[in-house]
Amino acid sequence: MRFKASVRKLSCLVALGGLACSLIMVSPAVAASASTRTASTTTCSGSLTAPGVLKGTYHGNVTVSGICFVNSGPAIVKGNLTVAAGGGLDATFALNDGRKSGHSYLKVTGNVYVKKGAVLIMGCDPGFSPCSDDPNPKSPSLSSWDWIDGNLTAIDALGVILHNNFIGGNVIEQAGGGGVTCTPEGIFAAFKSPVFSDYENVVIGGSMSISDITSCWYGTIRDFVRGNLTLTNNKMADPDALEVVNNFINGSFSCLKNSPAILYGDSGGSPDVVGGTASGQCSFTSFEPNPPPNGPLDPISVPETA
């Protein structure tokens, strides 16, 4: 089934973006900032019905407790950003809902941490994941480019969904997810969306490691990874999951004990290009139907010189 096509577009239909659209159209005042500052740490707190807002420049660390948006101009964190256990940060807005002029985006000069049961949704683009505040959802044109100078580390997170981002360091997503099921859970349940993680159009300055996730769907699509890309022991409920296509991996590419195995799904994608070695389910000798189940067999990855 075309599960991927429905869940990857974070518009007014799925995940936190659905909440964002309804709040903007019904009651913009609900998104008033709810942050407190103590020493060098700022806490942004909010709920599904009254999210807090990150905006302006924060000279220190920021913790997101509950639900917060980045929809009122740039939010620049000159320190580390942590999405606390059970929380959610939605940075899928392009416009400034506060001043009605200018643009919204998120930049973190340090590291980003996504804790147990938390959700991070960051970045948007018209082609694959429309911005939550795009005025023309049927023909979107807005985009938001978000930036993390350091590492992105998600341990036991419910989901991490990135589109149109730069990450200077490493990406680690380990364990977590909603279980091997497509039943909505946690924050996703409020919008009747299955739990998933996804990285699309992301530039990663270091290496990327995705391991031990149990969820409905996962994708790594059109990314540039300067270091190594490793996917290990991830288990998905959707047979069309684990779409890892159209990526350029400068280092090595390793895929082990994933279920289903790395595949093309209905992405219409091309093999991953690898500068180093490729092993396991994504080796240069691993072939999958493109598209499944009866399409021609294409290699999952090809060497850069091919």
C-alpha atoms as a PDB file:
ATOM      1  CA  MET A   1       0.000   0.000   0.000  1.00  0.00           C
ATOM      2  CA  ARG A   2       1.091   3.599  -0.485  1.00  0.00           C
ATOM      3  CA  PHE A   3       1.567   4.244   3.224  1.00  0.00           C
ATOM      4  CA  LYS A   4       4.704   6.289   2.582  1.00  0.00           C
ATOM      5  CA  ALA A   5       2.927   8.766   0.348  1.00  0.00           C
ATOM      6  CA  SER A   6       0.402   9.588   3.058  1.00  0.00           C
ATOM      7  CA  VAL A   7       2.682   9.888   6.057  1.00  0.00           C
ATOM      8  CA  ARG A   8       5.692  11.679   4.641  1.00  0.00           C
ATOM      9  CA  LYS A   9       3.820  14.881   3.810  1.00  0.00           C
ATOM     10  CA  LEU A  10       3.612  16.809   7.075  1.00  0.00           C
ATOM     11  CA  SER A  11       0.905  19.161   5.925  1.00  0.00           C
ATOM     12  CA  CYS A  12      -2.476  19.685   7.578  1.00  0.00           C
ATOM     13  CA  LEU A  13      -3.134  15.946   7.526  1.00  0.00           C
ATOM     14  CA  VAL A  14      -0.590  14.241   9.770  1.00  0.00           C
ATOM     15  CA  ALA A  15       1.566  14.518  12.862  1.00  0.00           C
ATOM     16  CA  LEU A  16       2.106  17.844  14.612  1.00  0.00           C
ATOM     17  CA  GLY A  17       1.630  19.762  11.373  1.00  0.00           C
ATOM     18  CA  GLY A  18      -2.085  18.945  11.484  1.00  0.00           C
ATOM     19  CA  LEU A  19      -2.406  20.583  14.857  1.00  0.00           C
ATOM     20  CA  ALA A  20      -0.442  23.589  13.668  1.00  0.00           C
ATOM     21  CA  CYS A  21      -2.773  24.212  10.731  1.00  0.00           C
ATOM     22  CA  SER A  22      -5.896  24.015  12.852  1.00  0.00           C
ATOM     23  CA  LEU A  23      -4.495  26.345  15.484  1.00  0.00           C
ATOM     24  CA  ILE A  24      -3.460  28.953  12.943  1.00  0.00           C
ATOM     25  CA  MET A  25      -6.830  28.945  11.217  1.00  0.00           C
ATOM     26  CA  VAL A  26      -8.960  28.864  14.359  1.00  0.00           C
ATOM     27  CA  SER A  27      -7.103  30.667  17.101  1.00  0.00           C
ATOM     28  CA  PRO A  28      -3.637  32.124  16.443  1.00  0.00           C
ATOM     29  CA  ALA A  29      -3.465  33.460  19.994  1.00  0.00           C
ATOM     30  CA  VAL A  30      -3.275  29.912  21.327  1.00  0.00           C
ATOM     31  CA  ALA A  31       0.342  29.729  20.176  1.00  0.00           C
ATOM     32  CA  ALA A  32       1.496  32.380  22.646  1.00  0.00           C
ATOM     33  CA  SER A  33       4.962  31.754  24.045  1.00  0.00           C
ATOM     34  CA  ALA A  34       5.129  29.803  27.292  1.00  0.00           C
ATOM     35  CA  SER A  35       8.805  29.772  28.213  1.00  0.00           C
ATOM     36  CA  THR A  36      10.704  30.318  31.447  1.00  0.00           C
ATOM     37  CA  ARG A  37      14.361  31.185  31.886  1.00  0.00           C
ATOM     38  CA  THR A  38      16.587  29.925  34.688  1.00  0.00           C
ATOM     39  CA  ALA A  39      20.301  30.741  34.627  1.00  0.00           C
ATOM     40  CA  SER A  40      21.579  29.638  31.202  1.00  0.00           C
ATOM     41  CA  THR A  41      18.668  27.287  30.450  1.00  0.00           C
ATOM     42  CA  THR A  42      15.321  28.230  28.933  1.00  0.00           C
ATOM     43  CA  THR A  43      12.320  25.907  29.165  1.00  0.00           C
ATOM     44  CA  CYS A  44       9.573  26.105  26.539  1.00  0.00           C
ATOM     45  CA  SER A  45       6.425  24.420  27.798  1.00  0.00           C
ATOM     46  CA  GLY A  46       3.056  23.841  26.192  1.00  0.00           C
ATOM     47  CA  SER A  47       0.353  21.330  25.370  1.00  0.00           C
ATOM     48  CA  LEU A  48      -1.419  19.974  22.311  1.00  0.00           C
ATOM     49  CA  THR A  49      -4.143  22.594  22.688  1.00  0.00           C
ATOM     50  CA  ALA A  50      -1.856  25.454  23.785  1.00  0.00           C
ATOM     51  CA  PRO A  51       1.677  24.951  22.447  1.00  0.00           C
ATOM     52  CA  GLY A  52       4.557  27.116  23.555  1.00  0.00           C
ATOM     53  CA  VAL A  53       6.645  29.029  21.022  1.00  0.00           C
ATOM     54  CA  LEU A  54      10.393  29.243  20.532  1.00  0.00           C
ATOM     55  CA  LYS A  55      11.424  32.547  18.941  1.00  0.00           C
ATOM     56  CA  GLY A  56      14.314  34.950  19.009  1.00  0.00           C
ATOM     57  CA  THR A  57      17.831  34.191  20.245  1.00  0.00           C
ATOM     58  CA  TYR A  58      18.568  32.052  23.306  1.00  0.00           C
ATOM     59  CA  HIS A  59      22.048  32.479  24.811  1.00  0.00           C
ATOM     60  CA  GLY A  60      22.285  29.089  26.450  1.00  0.00           C
ATOM     61  CA  ASN A  61      20.563  25.722  26.472  1.00  0.00           C
ATOM     62  CA  VAL A  62      16.865  25.197  25.719  1.00  0.00           C
ATOM     63  CA  THR A  63      14.592  22.410  26.947  1.00  0.00           C
ATOM     64  CA  VAL A  64      11.236  21.687  25.301  1.00  0.00           C
ATOM     65  CA  SER A  65       8.802  20.350  27.881  1.00  0.00           C
ATOM     66  CA  GLY A  66       5.457  19.400  26.399  1.00  0.00           C
ATOM     67  CA  ILE A  67       4.634  20.784  22.928  1.00  0.00           C
ATOM     68  CA  CYS A  68       6.345  23.794  21.318  1.00  0.00           C
ATOM     69  CA  PHE A  69       6.346  25.357  17.847  1.00  0.00           C
ATOM     70  CA  VAL A  70       8.801  27.460  15.848  1.00  0.00           C
ATOM     71  CA  ASN A  71       6.288  29.591  13.954  1.00  0.00           C
ATOM     72  CA  SER A  72       6.944  33.203  14.976  1.00  0.00           C
ATOM     73  CA  GLY A  73      10.188  34.040  13.231  1.00  0.00           C
ATOM     74  CA  PRO A  74      13.662  32.550  13.605  1.00  0.00           C
ATOM     75  CA  ALA A  75      14.559  30.620  16.750  1.00  0.00           C
ATOM     76  CA  ILE A  76      18.328  30.590  17.309  1.00  0.00           C
ATOM     77  CA  VAL A  77      19.653  28.482  20.173  1.00  0.00           C
ATOM     78  CA  LYS A  78      23.266  29.291  21.068  1.00  0.00           C
ATOM     79  CA  GLY A  79      23.692  26.118  23.056  1.00  0.00           C
ATOM     80  CA  ASN A  80      22.080  22.685  23.183  1.00  0.00           C
ATOM     81  CA  LEU A  81      18.414  21.915  22.550  1.00  0.00           C
ATOM     82  CA  THR A  82      16.676  19.040  24.349  1.00  0.00           C
ATOM     83  CA  VAL A  83      13.185  17.715  23.611  1.00  0.00           C
ATOM     84  CA  ALA A  84      12.329  16.231  26.994  1.00  0.00           C
ATOM     85  CA  ALA A  85      10.672  12.859  27.547  1.00  0.00           C
ATOM     86  CA  GLY A  86       7.191  12.764  26.026  1.00  0.00           C
ATOM     87  CA  GLY A  87       7.578  16.218  24.469  1.00  0.00           C
ATOM     88  CA  GLY A  88       7.325  17.423  20.903  1.00  0.00           C
ATOM     89  CA  LEU A  89       8.934  20.205  18.859  1.00  0.00           C
ATOM     90  CA  ASP A  90       7.374  21.216  15.540  1.00  0.00           C
ATOM     91  CA  ALA A  91       9.621  23.388  13.359  1.00  0.00           C
ATOM     92  CA  THR A  92       7.771  22.907  10.065  1.00  0.00           C
ATOM     93  CA  PHE A  93       6.737  26.525   9.531  1.00  0.00           C
ATOM     94  CA  ALA A  94       8.018  28.961   6.893  1.00  0.00           C
ATOM     95  CA  LEU A  95       6.148  32.139   7.799  1.00  0.00           C
ATOM     96  CA  ASN A  96       6.133  34.369  10.870  1.00  0.00           C
ATOM     97  CA  ASP A  97       2.722  33.898  12.461  1.00  0.00           C
ATOM     98  CA  GLY A  98       3.494  36.561  15.076  1.00  0.00           C
ATOM     99  CA  ARG A  99       4.392  39.589  12.960  1.00  0.00           C
ATOM    100  CA  LYS A 100       2.780  38.364   9.726  1.00  0.00           C
ATOM    101  CA  SER A 101       6.042  39.164   7.920  1.00  0.00           C
ATOM    102  CA  GLY A 102       9.388  37.445   7.584  1.00  0.00           C
ATOM    103  CA  HIS A 103      10.218  33.774   7.928  1.00  0.00           C
ATOM    104  CA  SER A 104      10.495  31.093  10.592  1.00  0.00           C
ATOM    105  CA  TYR A 105      13.333  28.606  10.973  1.00  0.00           C
ATOM    106  CA  LEU A 106      15.329  26.842  13.691  1.00  0.00           C
ATOM    107  CA  LYS A 107      19.092  27.022  14.160  1.00  0.00           C
ATOM    108  CA  VAL A 108      20.963  25.277  16.991  1.00  0.00           C
ATOM    109  CA  THR A 109      24.679  25.985  17.405  1.00  0.00           C
ATOM    110  CA  GLY A 110      25.167  23.035  19.775  1.00  0.00           C
ATOM    111  CA  ASN A 111      23.661  19.546  19.922  1.00  0.00           C
ATOM    112  CA  VAL A 112      20.043  18.376  19.797  1.00  0.00           C
ATOM    113  CA  TYR A 113      18.793  15.590  22.070  1.00  0.00           C
ATOM    114  CA  VAL A 114      15.426  13.835  21.666  1.00  0.00           C
ATOM    115  CA  LYS A 115      14.507  11.891  24.789  1.00  0.00           C
ATOM    116  CA  LYS A 116      12.275   8.899  25.516  1.00  0.00           C
ATOM    117  CA  GLY A 117       8.866   9.077  23.867  1.00  0.00           C
ATOM    118  CA  ALA A 118       9.594  12.522  22.382  1.00  0.00           C
ATOM    119  CA  VAL A 119       9.062  13.708  18.808  1.00  0.00           C
ATOM    120  CA  LEU A 120      11.126  16.120  16.710  1.00  0.00           C
ATOM    121  CA  ILE A 121       9.713  17.401  13.413  1.00  0.00           C
ATOM    122  CA  MET A 122      11.992  19.875  11.669  1.00  0.00           C
ATOM    123  CA  GLY A 123      12.082  21.478   8.242  1.00  0.00           C
ATOM    124  CA  CYS A 124       9.738  21.451   5.255  1.00  0.00           C
ATOM    125  CA  ASP A 125       9.828  21.699   1.473  1.00  0.00           C
ATOM    126  CA  PRO A 126       7.129  21.989  -1.192  1.00  0.00           C
ATOM    127  CA  GLY A 127       8.094  18.879  -3.115  1.00  0.00           C
ATOM    128  CA  PHE A 128       8.005  16.243  -0.388  1.00  0.00           C
ATOM    129  CA  SER A 129       6.790  17.705   2.912  1.00  0.00           C
ATOM    130  CA  PRO A 130       4.820  20.963   2.642  1.00  0.00           C
ATOM    131  CA  CYS A 131       5.177  23.513   5.425  1.00  0.00           C
ATOM    132  CA  SER A 132       2.408  23.476   8.001  1.00  0.00           C
ATOM    133  CA  ASP A 133       1.533  27.116   7.247  1.00  0.00           C
ATOM    134  CA  ASP A 134       1.679  26.971   3.447  1.00  0.00           C
ATOM    135  CA  PRO A 135      -1.400  28.913   2.262  1.00  0.00           C
ATOM    136  CA  ASN A 136      -1.770  26.668  -0.804  1.00  0.00           C
ATOM    137  CA  PRO A 137      -1.523  23.073   0.445  1.00  0.00           C
ATOM    138  CA  LYS A 138      -2.683  21.713  -2.915  1.00  0.00           C
ATOM    139  CA  SER A 139       0.092  23.591  -4.700  1.00  0.00           C
ATOM    140  CA  PRO A 140       2.685  24.349  -2.002  1.00  0.00           C
ATOM    141  CA  SER A 141       5.596  26.713  -2.604  1.00  0.00           C
ATOM    142  CA  LEU A 142       7.074  27.516   0.832  1.00  0.00           C
ATOM    143  CA  SER A 143      10.133  25.920   2.410  1.00  0.00           C
ATOM    144  CA  SER A 144      12.129  26.148   5.617  1.00  0.00           C
ATOM    145  CA  TRP A 145      15.797  25.196   5.938  1.00  0.00           C
ATOM    146  CA  ASP A 146      16.771  24.300   9.506  1.00  0.00           C
ATOM    147  CA  TRP A 147      20.257  23.924  10.938  1.00  0.00           C
ATOM    148  CA  ILE A 148      22.062  21.986  13.692  1.00  0.00           C
ATOM    149  CA  ASP A 149      25.778  22.699  14.028  1.00  0.00           C
ATOM    150  CA  GLY A 150      26.452  19.741  16.329  1.00  0.00           C
ATOM    151  CA  ASN A 151      25.029  16.228  16.691  1.00  0.00           C
ATOM    152  CA  LEU A 152      21.451  14.980  16.657  1.00  0.00           C
ATOM    153  CA  THR A 153      20.963  12.175  19.187  1.00  0.00           C
ATOM    154  CA  ALA A 154      17.590  10.474  19.706  1.00  0.00           C
ATOM    155  CA  ILE A 155      17.469   7.660  22.273  1.00  0.00           C
ATOM    156  CA  ASP A 156      14.121   5.887  22.776  1.00  0.00           C
ATOM    157  CA  ALA A 157      12.373   8.704  20.886  1.00  0.00           C
ATOM    158  CA  LEU A 158       8.893   8.119  19.511  1.00  0.00           C
ATOM    159  CA  GLY A 159       9.796   9.625  16.144  1.00  0.00           C
ATOM    160  CA  VAL A 160      12.245  11.923  14.338  1.00  0.00           C
ATOM    161  CA  ILE A 161      11.079  13.527  11.077  1.00  0.00           C
ATOM    162  CA  LEU A 162      13.477  15.770   9.167  1.00  0.00           C
ATOM    163  CA  HIS A 163      13.140  17.470   5.793  1.00  0.00           C
ATOM    164  CA  ASN A 164      15.426  20.123   4.317  1.00  0.00           C
ATOM    165  CA  ASN A 165      18.079  20.254   7.052  1.00  0.00           C
ATOM    166  CA  PHE A 166      21.798  20.619   7.668  1.00  0.00           C
ATOM    167  CA  ILE A 167      23.414  18.700  10.540  1.00  0.00           C
ATOM    168  CA  GLY A 168      27.080  19.430  11.073  1.00  0.00           C
ATOM    169  CA  GLY A 169      27.881  16.411  13.245  1.00  0.00           C
ATOM    170  CA  ASN A 170      26.535  12.886  13.609  1.00  0.00           C
ATOM    171  CA  VAL A 171      22.973  11.571  13.602  1.00  0.00           C
ATOM    172  CA  ILE A 172      22.130   8.767  16.030  1.00  0.00           C
ATOM    173  CA  GLU A 173      18.616   7.368  16.425  1.00  0.00           C
ATOM    174  CA  GLN A 174      18.601   4.345  18.704  1.00  0.00           C
ATOM    175  CA  ALA A 175      15.685   2.253  19.993  1.00  0.00           C
ATOM    176  CA  GLY A 176      12.293   3.864  20.462  1.00  0.00           C
ATOM    177  CA  GLY A 177       9.417   4.071  17.997  1.00  0.00           C
ATOM    178  CA  GLY A 178       5.855   2.962  18.610  1.00  0.00           C
ATOM    179  CA  GLY A 179       6.415  -0.784  18.357  1.00  0.00           C
ATOM    180  CA  VAL A 180       6.020  -3.060  15.348  1.00  0.00           C
ATOM    181  CA  THR A 181       2.552  -1.772  14.573  1.00  0.00           C
ATOM    182  CA  CYS A 182       0.917   0.985  12.543  1.00  0.00           C
ATOM    183  CA  THR A 183      -1.511   1.860  15.326  1.00  0.00           C
ATOM    184  CA  PRO A 184      -1.173   5.570  16.190  1.00  0.00           C
ATOM    185  CA  GLU A 185       0.456   6.202  19.550  1.00  0.00           C
ATOM    186  CA  GLY A 186       1.395   9.156  21.735  1.00  0.00           C
ATOM    187  CA  ILE A 187       1.412  12.515  19.954  1.00  0.00           C
ATOM    188  CA  PHE A 188       0.780  10.775  16.619  1.00  0.00           C
ATOM    189  CA  ALA A 189      -2.531   9.424  17.963  1.00  0.00           C
ATOM    190  CA  ALA A 190      -3.978  12.920  18.168  1.00  0.00           C
ATOM    191  CA  PHE A 191      -3.782  13.114  14.375  1.00  0.00           C
ATOM    192  CA  LYS A 192      -4.505   9.478  13.563  1.00  0.00           C
ATOM    193  CA  SER A 193      -1.058   9.063  12.051  1.00  0.00           C
ATOM    194  CA  PRO A 194       1.057   5.927  12.406  1.00  0.00           C
ATOM    195  CA  VAL A 195       4.357   6.404  14.209  1.00  0.00           C
ATOM    196  CA  PHE A 196       7.362   6.788  11.898  1.00  0.00           C
ATOM    197  CA  SER A 197      10.797   8.341  11.454  1.00  0.00           C
ATOM    198  CA  ASP A 198      12.063   9.918   8.250  1.00  0.00           C
ATOM    199  CA  TYR A 199      15.111  11.815   6.967  1.00  0.00           C
ATOM    200  CA  GLU A 200      14.749  13.481   3.562  1.00  0.00           C
ATOM    201  CA  ASN A 201      16.894  16.098   1.813  1.00  0.00           C
ATOM    202  CA  VAL A 202      19.269  16.221   4.769  1.00  0.00           C
ATOM    203  CA  VAL A 203      22.977  17.076   4.643  1.00  0.00           C
ATOM    204  CA  ILE A 204      24.902  15.294   7.415  1.00  0.00           C
ATOM    205  CA  GLY A 205      28.472  16.386   8.066  1.00  0.00           C
ATOM    206  CA  GLY A 206      29.353  13.305  10.114  1.00  0.00           C
ATOM    207  CA  SER A 207      28.036   9.746  10.200  1.00  0.00           C
ATOM    208  CA  MET A 208      24.487   8.418  10.583  1.00  0.00           C
ATOM    209  CA  SER A 209      23.472   5.408  12.694  1.00  0.00           C
ATOM    210  CA  ILE A 210      19.889   4.083  12.923  1.00  0.00           C
ATOM    211  CA  SER A 211      19.480   1.052  15.173  1.00  0.00           C
ATOM    212  CA  ASP A 212      16.953  -1.008  17.142  1.00  0.00           C
ATOM    213  CA  ILE A 213      13.912   1.061  16.147  1.00  0.00           C
ATOM    214  CA  THR A 214      10.512  -0.644  16.181  1.00  0.00           C
ATOM    215  CA  SER A 215       7.938   1.398  14.317  1.00  0.00           C
ATOM    216  CA  CYS A 216       5.527   1.464  11.383  1.00  0.00           C
ATOM    217  CA  TRP A 217       7.699   3.090   8.704  1.00  0.00           C
ATOM    218  CA  TYR A 218      11.193   4.495   8.223  1.00  0.00           C
ATOM    219  CA  GLY A 219      12.915   6.304   5.349  1.00  0.00           C
ATOM    220  CA  THR A 220      16.285   7.801   4.441  1.00  0.00           C
ATOM    221  CA  ILE A 221      15.865   9.490   1.070  1.00  0.00           C
ATOM    222  CA  ARG A 222      17.945  11.986  -0.955  1.00  0.00           C
ATOM    223  CA  ASP A 223      20.425  12.582   1.875  1.00  0.00           C
ATOM    224  CA  PHE A 224      24.134  13.369   1.730  1.00  0.00           C
ATOM    225  CA  VAL A 225      26.156  11.630   4.446  1.00  0.00           C
ATOM    226  CA  ARG A 226      29.771  12.689   4.618  1.00  0.00           C
ATOM    227  CA  GLY A 227      30.720   9.806   6.924  1.00  0.00           C
ATOM    228  CA  ASN A 228      29.224   6.328   7.253  1.00  0.00           C
ATOM    229  CA  LEU A 229      25.584   5.222   7.144  1.00  0.00           C
ATOM    230  CA  THR A 230      24.617   2.231   9.302  1.00  0.00           C
ATOM    231  CA  LEU A 231      21.170   0.656   9.773  1.00  0.00           C
ATOM    232  CA  THR A 232      21.019  -2.230  12.233  1.00  0.00           C
ATOM    233  CA  ASN A 233      18.230  -4.359  13.727  1.00  0.00           C
ATOM    234  CA  ASN A 234      15.325  -2.068  12.819  1.00  0.00           C
ATOM    235  CA  LYS A 235      11.883  -3.694  12.629  1.00  0.00           C
ATOM    236  CA  MET A 236       8.914  -2.112  10.858  1.00  0.00           C
ATOM    237  CA  ALA A 237       5.266  -3.134  10.608  1.00  0.00           C
ATOM    238  CA  ASP A 238       4.716  -1.760   7.100  1.00  0.00           C
ATOM    239  CA  PRO A 239       6.112  -4.046   4.364  1.00  0.00           C
ATOM    240  CA  ASP A 240       6.859  -0.878   2.348  1.00  0.00           C
ATOM    241  CA  ALA A 241       9.100   0.479   5.123  1.00  0.00           C
ATOM    242  CA  LEU A 242      12.877   0.931   5.291  1.00  0.00           C
ATOM    243  CA  GLU A 243      13.103   2.864   2.038  1.00  0.00           C
ATOM    244  CA  VAL A 244      16.743   3.951   1.811  1.00  0.00           C
ATOM    245  CA  VAL A 245      17.222   5.356  -1.694  1.00  0.00           C
ATOM    246  CA  ASN A 246      18.786   8.195  -3.677  1.00  0.00           C
ATOM    247  CA  ASN A 247      21.402   8.872  -1.001  1.00  0.00           C
ATOM    248  CA  PHE A 248      25.079   9.715  -1.407  1.00  0.00           C
ATOM    249  CA  ILE A 249      27.245   8.147   1.296  1.00  0.00           C
ATOM    250  CA  ASN A 250      30.825   9.331   1.233  1.00  0.00           C
ATOM    251  CA  GLY A 251      31.980   6.637   3.669  1.00  0.00           C
ATOM    252  CA  SER A 252      30.797   3.073   4.158  1.00  0.00           C
ATOM    253  CA  PHE A 253      27.221   1.729   4.014  1.00  0.00           C
ATOM    254  CA  SER A 254      26.139  -1.154   6.254  1.00  0.00           C
ATOM    255  CA  CYS A 255      22.682  -2.703   6.760  1.00  0.00           C
ATOM    256  CA  LEU A 256      22.221  -5.700   9.073  1.00  0.00           C
ATOM    257  CA  LYS A 257      19.251  -7.575  10.584  1.00  0.00           C
ATOM    258  CA  ASN A 258      16.607  -5.107   9.386  1.00  0.00           C
ATOM    259  CA  SER A 259      13.026  -6.269   8.796  1.00  0.00           C
ATOM    260  CA  PRO A 260      11.935  -5.795   6.129  1.00  0.00           C
ATOM    261  CA  ALA A 261      15.268  -5.644   4.360  1.00  0.00           C
ATOM    262  CA  ILE A 262      16.296  -2.346   2.778  1.00  0.00           C
ATOM    263  CA  LEU A 263      14.066  -1.847  -0.278  1.00  0.00           C
ATOM    264  CA  TYR A 264      12.823   0.572  -2.908  1.00  0.00           C
ATOM    265  CA  GLY A 265       9.157   0.503  -1.955  1.00  0.00           C
ATOM    266  CA  ASP A 266       7.016   2.816  -4.047  1.00  0.00           C
ATOM    267  CA  SER A 267       9.486   5.703  -3.855  1.00  0.00           C
ATOM    268  CA  GLY A 268      10.500   5.445  -7.506  1.00  0.00           C
ATOM    269  CA  GLY A 269      14.039   5.899  -6.228  1.00  0.00           C
ATOM    270  CA  SER A 270      17.501   5.051  -7.488  1.00  0.00           C
ATOM    271  CA  PRO A 271      20.368   3.106  -5.907  1.00  0.00           C
ATOM    272  CA  ASP A 272      22.399   4.718  -3.153  1.00  0.00           C
ATOM    273  CA  VAL A 273      25.825   5.888  -4.278  1.00  0.00           C
ATOM    274  CA  VAL A 274      28.602   4.845  -1.905  1.00  0.00           C
ATOM    275  CA  GLY A 275      32.156   6.147  -1.776  1.00  0.00           C
ATOM    276  CA  GLY A 276      33.441   3.378   0.509  1.00  0.00           C
ATOM    277  CA  THR A 277      32.382  -0.198   1.112  1.00  0.00           C
ATOM    278  CA  ALA A 278      28.823  -1.544   1.207  1.00  0.00           C
ATOM    279  CA  SER A 279      27.830  -4.606   3.222  1.00  0.00           C
ATOM    280  CA  GLY A 280      24.879  -6.680   4.421  1.00  0.00           C
ATOM    281  CA  GLN A 281      21.426  -5.945   3.030  1.00  0.00           C
ATOM    282  CA  CYS A 282      22.724  -2.873   1.208  1.00  0.00           C
ATOM    283  CA  SER A 283      25.837  -4.414  -0.366  1.00  0.00           C
ATOM    284  CA  PHE A 284      26.695  -3.840  -3.998  1.00  0.00           C
ATOM    285  CA  THR A 285      25.429  -7.362  -4.718  1.00  0.00           C
ATOM    286  CA  SER A 286      22.019  -6.909  -3.027  1.00  0.00           C
ATOM    287  CA  PHE A 287      19.160  -6.485  -5.499  1.00  0.00           C
ATOM    288  CA  GLU A 288      15.507  -5.590  -4.914  1.00  0.00           C
ATOM    289  CA  PRO A 289      12.541  -5.136  -7.291  1.00  0.00           C
ATOM    290  CA  ASN A 290      12.018  -1.503  -8.242  1.00  0.00           C
ATOM    291  CA  PRO A 291       9.144  -1.079  -7.742  1.00  0.00           C
ATOM    292  CA  PRO A 292       8.044  -4.156  -5.779  1.00  0.00           C
ATOM    293  CA  PRO A 293       6.873  -6.769  -6.110  1.00  0.00           C
ATOM    294  CA  ASN A 294       7.423  -7.363  -9.822  1.00  0.00           C
ATOM    295  CA  GLY A 295       9.627  -4.510 -11.026  1.00  0.00           C
ATOM    296  CA  PRO A 296      13.093  -5.044 -12.497  1.00  0.00           C
ATOM    297  CA  LEU A 297      15.816  -5.949 -10.011  1.00  0.00           C
ATOM    298  CA  ASP A 298      18.052  -2.989  -9.188  1.00  0.00           C
ATOM    299  CA  PRO A 299      21.053  -2.910  -6.870  1.00  0.00           C
ATOM    300  CA  ILE A 300      20.424  -1.290  -3.509  1.00  0.00           C
ATOM    301  CA  SER A 301      23.741   0.522  -3.779  1.00  0.00           C
ATOM    302  CA  VAL A 302      26.429   1.194  -6.335  1.00  0.00           C
ATOM    303  CA  PRO A 303      30.039   2.334  -5.905  1.00  0.00           C
ATOM    304  CA  GLU A 304      30.732   5.990  -6.558  1.00  0.00           C
ATOM    305  CA  THR A 305      32.944   5.190  -9.504  1.00  0.00           C
ATOM    306  CA  ALA A 306      30.260   3.106 -11.249  1.00  0.00           C
END
